[in-house]
């Protein structure tokens, strides 16, 4: 079975750079696990302004993503704390 790939937006890459190294490593490790097990998981859809996007929890942070099944590609659009992320929109 072909593995899912993760693609980060430039905005997410910049946000990851400002995080402490252990936090950044935790997020990246968890997203790699997410990609390896994506076929076993049920995506959690978002609603309203976020329709068409999905969420994934990593500790107190949320990852907002969408995916393309035909390309087995997960596109990460935002990563932030739960109390902040839903107030923002790309």
PDB file of N, CA and C in Angstrom:
ATOM      1  N   UNK A   1       0.841  -1.181   0.000  1.00  0.00           N
ATOM      2  CA  UNK A   1       0.000   0.000   0.000  1.00  0.00           C
ATOM      3  C   UNK A   1       0.892   1.252   0.000  1.00  0.00           C
ATOM      4  N   UNK A   2       0.572   2.178  -0.877  1.00  0.00           N
ATOM      5  CA  UNK A   2       1.339   3.411  -0.973  1.00  0.00           C
ATOM      6  C   UNK A   2       1.044   4.311   0.224  1.00  0.00           C
ATOM      7  N   UNK A   3       2.063   4.914   0.763  1.00  0.00           N
ATOM      8  CA  UNK A   3       1.913   5.767   1.943  1.00  0.00           C
ATOM      9  C   UNK A   3       1.427   7.166   1.554  1.00  0.00           C
ATOM     10  N   UNK A   4       0.638   7.745   2.418  1.00  0.00           N
ATOM     11  CA  UNK A   4       0.185   9.115   2.228  1.00  0.00           C
ATOM     12  C   UNK A   4       1.357  10.066   2.470  1.00  0.00           C
ATOM     13  N   UNK A   5       1.378  11.145   1.707  1.00  0.00           N
ATOM     14  CA  UNK A   5       2.408  12.174   1.861  1.00  0.00           C
ATOM     15  C   UNK A   5       1.797  13.395   2.540  1.00  0.00           C
ATOM     16  N   UNK A   6       2.637  14.151   3.225  1.00  0.00           N
ATOM     17  CA  UNK A   6       2.191  15.396   3.855  1.00  0.00           C
ATOM     18  C   UNK A   6       2.852  16.554   3.145  1.00  0.00           C
ATOM     19  N   UNK A   7       2.051  17.553   2.845  1.00  0.00           N
ATOM     20  CA  UNK A   7       2.543  18.789   2.237  1.00  0.00           C
ATOM     21  C   UNK A   7       2.153  19.939   3.166  1.00  0.00           C
ATOM     22  N   UNK A   8       3.119  20.775   3.497  1.00  0.00           N
ATOM     23  CA  UNK A   8       2.887  21.910   4.385  1.00  0.00           C
ATOM     24  C   UNK A   8       2.838  23.196   3.566  1.00  0.00           C
ATOM     25  N   UNK A   9       1.923  24.088   3.909  1.00  0.00           N
ATOM     26  CA  UNK A   9       1.924  25.399   3.266  1.00  0.00           C
ATOM     27  C   UNK A   9       3.126  26.189   3.782  1.00  0.00           C
ATOM     28  N   UNK A  10       3.520  27.218   3.053  1.00  0.00           N
ATOM     29  CA  UNK A  10       4.623  28.071   3.496  1.00  0.00           C
ATOM     30  C   UNK A  10       4.313  28.688   4.859  1.00  0.00           C
ATOM     31  N   UNK A  11       3.060  29.035   5.065  1.00  0.00           N
ATOM     32  CA  UNK A  11       2.623  29.622   6.332  1.00  0.00           C
ATOM     33  C   UNK A  11       2.865  28.653   7.496  1.00  0.00           C
ATOM     34  N   UNK A  12       2.536  27.392   7.298  1.00  0.00           N
ATOM     35  CA  UNK A  12       2.740  26.381   8.340  1.00  0.00           C
ATOM     36  C   UNK A  12       4.225  26.169   8.597  1.00  0.00           C
ATOM     37  N   UNK A  13       5.019  26.123   7.556  1.00  0.00           N
ATOM     38  CA  UNK A  13       6.469  25.959   7.730  1.00  0.00           C
ATOM     39  C   UNK A  13       7.042  27.101   8.556  1.00  0.00           C
ATOM     40  N   UNK A  14       6.579  28.322   8.303  1.00  0.00           N
ATOM     41  CA  UNK A  14       7.041  29.482   9.071  1.00  0.00           C
ATOM     42  C   UNK A  14       6.591  29.377  10.528  1.00  0.00           C
ATOM     43  N   UNK A  15       5.359  28.917  10.748  1.00  0.00           N
ATOM     44  CA  UNK A  15       4.846  28.768  12.110  1.00  0.00           C
ATOM     45  C   UNK A  15       5.618  27.690  12.868  1.00  0.00           C
ATOM     46  N   UNK A  16       5.988  26.616  12.204  1.00  0.00           N
ATOM     47  CA  UNK A  16       6.754  25.551  12.846  1.00  0.00           C
ATOM     48  C   UNK A  16       8.146  26.037  13.248  1.00  0.00           C
ATOM     49  N   UNK A  17       8.729  26.899  12.447  1.00  0.00           N
ATOM     50  CA  UNK A  17      10.078  27.400  12.715  1.00  0.00           C
ATOM     51  C   UNK A  17      10.174  28.171  14.025  1.00  0.00           C
ATOM     52  N   UNK A  18       9.112  28.855  14.426  1.00  0.00           N
ATOM     53  CA  UNK A  18       9.171  29.665  15.649  1.00  0.00           C
ATOM     54  C   UNK A  18       8.887  28.866  16.923  1.00  0.00           C
ATOM     55  N   UNK A  19       8.452  27.626  16.772  1.00  0.00           N
ATOM     56  CA  UNK A  19       8.180  26.783  17.937  1.00  0.00           C
ATOM     57  C   UNK A  19       9.482  26.251  18.529  1.00  0.00           C
ATOM     58  N   UNK A  20       9.442  25.954  19.820  1.00  0.00           N
ATOM     59  CA  UNK A  20      10.588  25.307  20.454  1.00  0.00           C
ATOM     60  C   UNK A  20      10.844  23.976  19.755  1.00  0.00           C
ATOM     61  N   UNK A  21      12.109  23.599  19.697  1.00  0.00           N
ATOM     62  CA  UNK A  21      12.495  22.377  18.986  1.00  0.00           C
ATOM     63  C   UNK A  21      11.738  21.138  19.465  1.00  0.00           C
ATOM     64  N   UNK A  22      11.585  20.901  20.779  1.00  0.00           N
ATOM     65  CA  UNK A  22      10.847  19.693  21.217  1.00  0.00           C
ATOM     66  C   UNK A  22       9.374  19.707  20.788  1.00  0.00           C
ATOM     67  N   UNK A  23       8.755  20.860  20.816  1.00  0.00           N
ATOM     68  CA  UNK A  23       7.348  20.977  20.399  1.00  0.00           C
ATOM     69  C   UNK A  23       7.238  20.723  18.896  1.00  0.00           C
ATOM     70  N   UNK A  24       8.134  21.335  18.141  1.00  0.00           N
ATOM     71  CA  UNK A  24       8.142  21.138  16.685  1.00  0.00           C
ATOM     72  C   UNK A  24       8.346  19.660  16.356  1.00  0.00           C
ATOM     73  N   UNK A  25       9.276  19.002  17.048  1.00  0.00           N
ATOM     74  CA  UNK A  25       9.546  17.585  16.806  1.00  0.00           C
ATOM     75  C   UNK A  25       8.327  16.731  17.129  1.00  0.00           C
ATOM     76  N   UNK A  26       7.636  17.052  18.244  1.00  0.00           N
ATOM     77  CA  UNK A  26       6.430  16.319  18.615  1.00  0.00           C
ATOM     78  C   UNK A  26       5.372  16.433  17.517  1.00  0.00           C
ATOM     79  N   UNK A  27       5.188  17.634  17.008  1.00  0.00           N
ATOM     80  CA  UNK A  27       4.178  17.862  15.963  1.00  0.00           C
ATOM     81  C   UNK A  27       4.540  17.101  14.693  1.00  0.00           C
ATOM     82  N   UNK A  28       5.775  17.211  14.259  1.00  0.00           N
ATOM     83  CA  UNK A  28       6.202  16.540  13.032  1.00  0.00           C
ATOM     84  C   UNK A  28       6.122  15.021  13.184  1.00  0.00           C
ATOM     85  N   UNK A  29       6.573  14.510  14.323  1.00  0.00           N
ATOM     86  CA  UNK A  29       6.493  13.062  14.558  1.00  0.00           C
ATOM     87  C   UNK A  29       5.049  12.575  14.517  1.00  0.00           C
ATOM     88  N   UNK A  30       4.176  13.317  15.159  1.00  0.00           N
ATOM     89  CA  UNK A  30       2.757  12.922  15.199  1.00  0.00           C
ATOM     90  C   UNK A  30       2.129  12.996  13.806  1.00  0.00           C
ATOM     91  N   UNK A  31       2.496  13.996  13.012  1.00  0.00           N
ATOM     92  CA  UNK A  31       1.967  14.096  11.650  1.00  0.00           C
ATOM     93  C   UNK A  31       2.504  12.971  10.766  1.00  0.00           C
ATOM     94  N   UNK A  32       3.730  12.556  10.989  1.00  0.00           N
ATOM     95  CA  UNK A  32       4.260  11.413  10.244  1.00  0.00           C
ATOM     96  C   UNK A  32       3.483  10.147  10.600  1.00  0.00           C
ATOM     97  N   UNK A  33       3.184   9.977  11.897  1.00  0.00           N
ATOM     98  CA  UNK A  33       2.350   8.848  12.316  1.00  0.00           C
ATOM     99  C   UNK A  33       0.981   8.931  11.646  1.00  0.00           C
ATOM    100  N   UNK A  34       0.404  10.124  11.632  1.00  0.00           N
ATOM    101  CA  UNK A  34      -0.906  10.378  11.020  1.00  0.00           C
ATOM    102  C   UNK A  34      -0.905   9.935   9.557  1.00  0.00           C
ATOM    103  N   UNK A  35       0.135  10.300   8.816  1.00  0.00           N
ATOM    104  CA  UNK A  35       0.228   9.927   7.402  1.00  0.00           C
ATOM    105  C   UNK A  35       0.347   8.412   7.231  1.00  0.00           C
ATOM    106  N   UNK A  36       1.113   7.769   8.108  1.00  0.00           N
ATOM    107  CA  UNK A  36       1.282   6.314   8.026  1.00  0.00           C
ATOM    108  C   UNK A  36      -0.011   5.563   8.317  1.00  0.00           C
ATOM    109  N   UNK A  37      -0.861   6.138   9.154  1.00  0.00           N
ATOM    110  CA  UNK A  37      -2.091   5.459   9.581  1.00  0.00           C
ATOM    111  C   UNK A  37      -3.362   6.112   9.029  1.00  0.00           C
ATOM    112  N   UNK A  38      -3.212   7.007   8.075  1.00  0.00           N
ATOM    113  CA  UNK A  38      -4.361   7.770   7.583  1.00  0.00           C
ATOM    114  C   UNK A  38      -5.470   6.860   7.056  1.00  0.00           C
ATOM    115  N   UNK A  39      -5.111   5.772   6.399  1.00  0.00           N
ATOM    116  CA  UNK A  39      -6.103   4.847   5.848  1.00  0.00           C
ATOM    117  C   UNK A  39      -6.934   4.157   6.928  1.00  0.00           C
ATOM    118  N   UNK A  40      -6.459   4.185   8.183  1.00  0.00           N
ATOM    119  CA  UNK A  40      -7.173   3.551   9.297  1.00  0.00           C
ATOM    120  C   UNK A  40      -8.058   4.528  10.064  1.00  0.00           C
ATOM    121  N   UNK A  41      -7.904   5.807   9.804  1.00  0.00           N
ATOM    122  CA  UNK A  41      -8.571   6.848  10.583  1.00  0.00           C
ATOM    123  C   UNK A  41      -9.782   7.401   9.856  1.00  0.00           C
ATOM    124  N   UNK A  42     -10.681   7.997  10.620  1.00  0.00           N
ATOM    125  CA  UNK A  42     -11.838   8.686  10.043  1.00  0.00           C
ATOM    126  C   UNK A  42     -11.613  10.181  10.195  1.00  0.00           C
ATOM    127  N   UNK A  43     -11.470  10.907   9.078  1.00  0.00           N
ATOM    128  CA  UNK A  43     -11.248  12.356   9.169  1.00  0.00           C
ATOM    129  C   UNK A  43     -12.394  13.055   9.902  1.00  0.00           C
ATOM    130  N   UNK A  44     -12.042  14.047  10.728  1.00  0.00           N
ATOM    131  CA  UNK A  44     -13.024  14.828  11.480  1.00  0.00           C
ATOM    132  C   UNK A  44     -13.288  16.135  10.733  1.00  0.00           C
ATOM    133  N   UNK A  45     -14.427  16.242  10.062  1.00  0.00           N
ATOM    134  CA  UNK A  45     -14.697  17.432   9.246  1.00  0.00           C
ATOM    135  C   UNK A  45     -15.000  18.671  10.085  1.00  0.00           C
ATOM    136  N   UNK A  46     -14.641  19.807   9.527  1.00  0.00           N
ATOM    137  CA  UNK A  46     -14.975  21.093  10.123  1.00  0.00           C
ATOM    138  C   UNK A  46     -16.181  21.659   9.381  1.00  0.00           C
ATOM    139  N   UNK A  47     -16.797  22.673   9.965  1.00  0.00           N
ATOM    140  CA  UNK A  47     -18.039  23.227   9.404  1.00  0.00           C
ATOM    141  C   UNK A  47     -17.923  24.735   9.248  1.00  0.00           C
ATOM    142  N   UNK A  48     -18.965  25.341   8.719  1.00  0.00           N
ATOM    143  CA  UNK A  48     -19.011  26.790   8.573  1.00  0.00           C
ATOM    144  C   UNK A  48     -17.941  27.283   7.615  1.00  0.00           C
ATOM    145  N   UNK A  49     -17.197  28.305   8.044  1.00  0.00           N
ATOM    146  CA  UNK A  49     -16.136  28.868   7.209  1.00  0.00           C
ATOM    147  C   UNK A  49     -15.045  27.855   6.890  1.00  0.00           C
ATOM    148  N   UNK A  50     -14.973  26.793   7.664  1.00  0.00           N
ATOM    149  CA  UNK A  50     -13.931  25.777   7.499  1.00  0.00           C
ATOM    150  C   UNK A  50     -14.413  24.564   6.715  1.00  0.00           C
ATOM    151  N   UNK A  51     -15.585  24.668   6.094  1.00  0.00           N
ATOM    152  CA  UNK A  51     -16.124  23.539   5.328  1.00  0.00           C
ATOM    153  C   UNK A  51     -15.104  23.113   4.266  1.00  0.00           C
ATOM    154  N   UNK A  52     -14.892  21.812   4.149  1.00  0.00           N
ATOM    155  CA  UNK A  52     -13.921  21.271   3.205  1.00  0.00           C
ATOM    156  C   UNK A  52     -12.575  20.980   3.846  1.00  0.00           C
ATOM    157  N   UNK A  53     -12.434  21.371   5.115  1.00  0.00           N
ATOM    158  CA  UNK A  53     -11.215  21.098   5.871  1.00  0.00           C
ATOM    159  C   UNK A  53     -11.525  20.111   6.991  1.00  0.00           C
ATOM    160  N   UNK A  54     -10.473  19.550   7.544  1.00  0.00           N
ATOM    161  CA  UNK A  54     -10.597  18.565   8.608  1.00  0.00           C
ATOM    162  C   UNK A  54      -9.631  18.933   9.724  1.00  0.00           C
ATOM    163  N   UNK A  55      -9.853  18.341  10.907  1.00  0.00           N
ATOM    164  CA  UNK A  55      -8.989  18.651  12.046  1.00  0.00           C
ATOM    165  C   UNK A  55      -8.348  17.377  12.581  1.00  0.00           C
ATOM    166  N   UNK A  56      -7.174  17.570  13.165  1.00  0.00           N
ATOM    167  CA  UNK A  56      -6.447  16.493  13.827  1.00  0.00           C
ATOM    168  C   UNK A  56      -5.825  17.095  15.073  1.00  0.00           C
ATOM    169  N   UNK A  57      -5.962  16.405  16.201  1.00  0.00           N
ATOM    170  CA  UNK A  57      -5.486  16.928  17.479  1.00  0.00           C
ATOM    171  C   UNK A  57      -4.106  16.383  17.797  1.00  0.00           C
ATOM    172  N   UNK A  58      -3.232  17.298  18.212  1.00  0.00           N
ATOM    173  CA  UNK A  58      -1.913  16.937  18.719  1.00  0.00           C
ATOM    174  C   UNK A  58      -1.750  17.704  20.026  1.00  0.00           C
ATOM    175  N   UNK A  59      -2.008  17.041  21.139  1.00  0.00           N
ATOM    176  CA  UNK A  59      -1.946  17.707  22.439  1.00  0.00           C
ATOM    177  C   UNK A  59      -2.954  18.837  22.505  1.00  0.00           C
ATOM    178  N   UNK A  60      -2.487  20.034  22.849  1.00  0.00           N
ATOM    179  CA  UNK A  60      -3.393  21.190  22.921  1.00  0.00           C
ATOM    180  C   UNK A  60      -3.444  21.956  21.598  1.00  0.00           C
ATOM    181  N   UNK A  61      -2.848  21.398  20.569  1.00  0.00           N
ATOM    182  CA  UNK A  61      -2.861  22.035  19.247  1.00  0.00           C
ATOM    183  C   UNK A  61      -3.798  21.289  18.309  1.00  0.00           C
ATOM    184  N   UNK A  62      -4.267  22.020  17.315  1.00  0.00           N
ATOM    185  CA  UNK A  62      -5.091  21.429  16.270  1.00  0.00           C
ATOM    186  C   UNK A  62      -4.402  21.667  14.938  1.00  0.00           C
ATOM    187  N   UNK A  63      -4.511  20.678  14.084  1.00  0.00           N
ATOM    188  CA  UNK A  63      -3.998  20.760  12.719  1.00  0.00           C
ATOM    189  C   UNK A  63      -5.214  20.845  11.809  1.00  0.00           C
ATOM    190  N   UNK A  64      -5.244  21.842  10.944  1.00  0.00           N
ATOM    191  CA  UNK A  64      -6.306  21.969   9.949  1.00  0.00           C
ATOM    192  C   UNK A  64      -5.716  21.525   8.616  1.00  0.00           C
ATOM    193  N   UNK A  65      -6.380  20.560   7.995  1.00  0.00           N
ATOM    194  CA  UNK A  65      -5.845  19.990   6.760  1.00  0.00           C
ATOM    195  C   UNK A  65      -6.976  19.651   5.804  1.00  0.00           C
ATOM    196  N   UNK A  66      -6.613  19.386   4.569  1.00  0.00           N
ATOM    197  CA  UNK A  66      -7.506  18.743   3.625  1.00  0.00           C
ATOM    198  C   UNK A  66      -6.699  17.647   2.943  1.00  0.00           C
ATOM    199  N   UNK A  67      -7.331  16.842   2.136  1.00  0.00           N
ATOM    200  CA  UNK A  67      -6.599  15.749   1.509  1.00  0.00           C
ATOM    201  C   UNK A  67      -7.157  15.444   0.130  1.00  0.00           C
ATOM    202  N   UNK A  68      -6.294  14.848  -0.689  1.00  0.00           N
ATOM    203  CA  UNK A  68      -6.667  14.405  -2.031  1.00  0.00           C
ATOM    204  C   UNK A  68      -6.405  12.910  -2.098  1.00  0.00           C
ATOM    205  N   UNK A  69      -7.471  12.133  -2.084  1.00  0.00           N
ATOM    206  CA  UNK A  69      -7.343  10.679  -2.093  1.00  0.00           C
ATOM    207  C   UNK A  69      -6.612  10.177  -3.322  1.00  0.00           C
ATOM    208  N   UNK A  70      -6.898  10.762  -4.484  1.00  0.00           N
ATOM    209  CA  UNK A  70      -6.291  10.279  -5.725  1.00  0.00           C
ATOM    210  C   UNK A  70      -4.774  10.421  -5.725  1.00  0.00           C
ATOM    211  N   UNK A  71      -4.258  11.405  -5.005  1.00  0.00           N
ATOM    212  CA  UNK A  71      -2.813  11.636  -4.919  1.00  0.00           C
ATOM    213  C   UNK A  71      -2.230  11.122  -3.607  1.00  0.00           C
ATOM    214  N   UNK A  72      -3.088  10.645  -2.711  1.00  0.00           N
ATOM    215  CA  UNK A  72      -2.711  10.253  -1.353  1.00  0.00           C
ATOM    216  C   UNK A  72      -1.862  11.359  -0.720  1.00  0.00           C
ATOM    217  N   UNK A  73      -2.438  12.553  -0.736  1.00  0.00           N
ATOM    218  CA  UNK A  73      -1.759  13.752  -0.273  1.00  0.00           C
ATOM    219  C   UNK A  73      -2.573  14.431   0.814  1.00  0.00           C
ATOM    220  N   UNK A  74      -1.926  14.713   1.941  1.00  0.00           N
ATOM    221  CA  UNK A  74      -2.527  15.474   3.039  1.00  0.00           C
ATOM    222  C   UNK A  74      -1.883  16.848   3.012  1.00  0.00           C
ATOM    223  N   UNK A  75      -2.697  17.880   2.890  1.00  0.00           N
ATOM    224  CA  UNK A  75      -2.194  19.255   2.848  1.00  0.00           C
ATOM    225  C   UNK A  75      -2.499  19.941   4.168  1.00  0.00           C
ATOM    226  N   UNK A  76      -1.445  20.307   4.900  1.00  0.00           N
ATOM    227  CA  UNK A  76      -1.596  20.957   6.203  1.00  0.00           C
ATOM    228  C   UNK A  76      -1.635  22.464   5.973  1.00  0.00           C
ATOM    229  N   UNK A  77      -2.727  23.099   6.431  1.00  0.00           N
ATOM    230  CA  UNK A  77      -2.936  24.532   6.210  1.00  0.00           C
ATOM    231  C   UNK A  77      -2.660  25.377   7.439  1.00  0.00           C
ATOM    232  N   UNK A  78      -2.936  24.841   8.628  1.00  0.00           N
ATOM    233  CA  UNK A  78      -2.693  25.609   9.853  1.00  0.00           C
ATOM    234  C   UNK A  78      -2.445  24.672  11.018  1.00  0.00           C
ATOM    235  N   UNK A  79      -1.599  25.144  11.929  1.00  0.00           N
ATOM    236  CA  UNK A  79      -1.361  24.452  13.196  1.00  0.00           C
ATOM    237  C   UNK A  79      -1.332  25.532  14.266  1.00  0.00           C
ATOM    238  N   UNK A  80      -2.173  25.377  15.265  1.00  0.00           N
ATOM    239  CA  UNK A  80      -2.186  26.363  16.349  1.00  0.00           C
ATOM    240  C   UNK A  80      -2.915  25.762  17.543  1.00  0.00           C
ATOM    241  N   UNK A  81      -2.897  26.499  18.626  1.00  0.00           N
ATOM    242  CA  UNK A  81      -3.621  26.079  19.829  1.00  0.00           C
ATOM    243  C   UNK A  81      -5.123  26.120  19.558  1.00  0.00           C
ATOM    244  N   UNK A  82      -5.833  25.245  20.221  1.00  0.00           N
ATOM    245  CA  UNK A  82      -7.274  25.116  20.000  1.00  0.00           C
ATOM    246  C   UNK A  82      -8.009  26.433  20.200  1.00  0.00           C
ATOM    247  N   UNK A  83      -7.622  27.203  21.215  1.00  0.00           N
ATOM    248  CA  UNK A  83      -8.335  28.451  21.510  1.00  0.00           C
ATOM    249  C   UNK A  83      -8.077  29.543  20.476  1.00  0.00           C
ATOM    250  N   UNK A  84      -7.126  29.339  19.570  1.00  0.00           N
ATOM    251  CA  UNK A  84      -6.806  30.361  18.564  1.00  0.00           C
ATOM    252  C   UNK A  84      -7.133  29.942  17.136  1.00  0.00           C
ATOM    253  N   UNK A  85      -7.013  28.673  16.840  1.00  0.00           N
ATOM    254  CA  UNK A  85      -7.029  28.239  15.450  1.00  0.00           C
ATOM    255  C   UNK A  85      -8.357  28.487  14.744  1.00  0.00           C
ATOM    256  N   UNK A  86      -9.451  28.294  15.422  1.00  0.00           N
ATOM    257  CA  UNK A  86     -10.744  28.416  14.747  1.00  0.00           C
ATOM    258  C   UNK A  86     -11.156  29.869  14.572  1.00  0.00           C
ATOM    259  N   UNK A  87     -10.412  30.792  15.191  1.00  0.00           N
ATOM    260  CA  UNK A  87     -10.684  32.216  15.004  1.00  0.00           C
ATOM    261  C   UNK A  87      -9.971  32.742  13.754  1.00  0.00           C
ATOM    262  N   UNK A  88      -9.047  31.951  13.234  1.00  0.00           N
ATOM    263  CA  UNK A  88      -8.291  32.332  12.040  1.00  0.00           C
ATOM    264  C   UNK A  88      -8.808  31.534  10.853  1.00  0.00           C
ATOM    265  N   UNK A  89      -8.575  32.046   9.703  1.00  0.00           N
ATOM    266  CA  UNK A  89      -8.883  31.307   8.484  1.00  0.00           C
ATOM    267  C   UNK A  89      -7.884  31.684   7.437  1.00  0.00           C
ATOM    268  N   UNK A  90      -7.423  30.686   6.659  1.00  0.00           N
ATOM    269  CA  UNK A  90      -6.411  30.934   5.637  1.00  0.00           C
ATOM    270  C   UNK A  90      -6.967  31.851   4.610  1.00  0.00           C
TER     271      UNK A  90
END
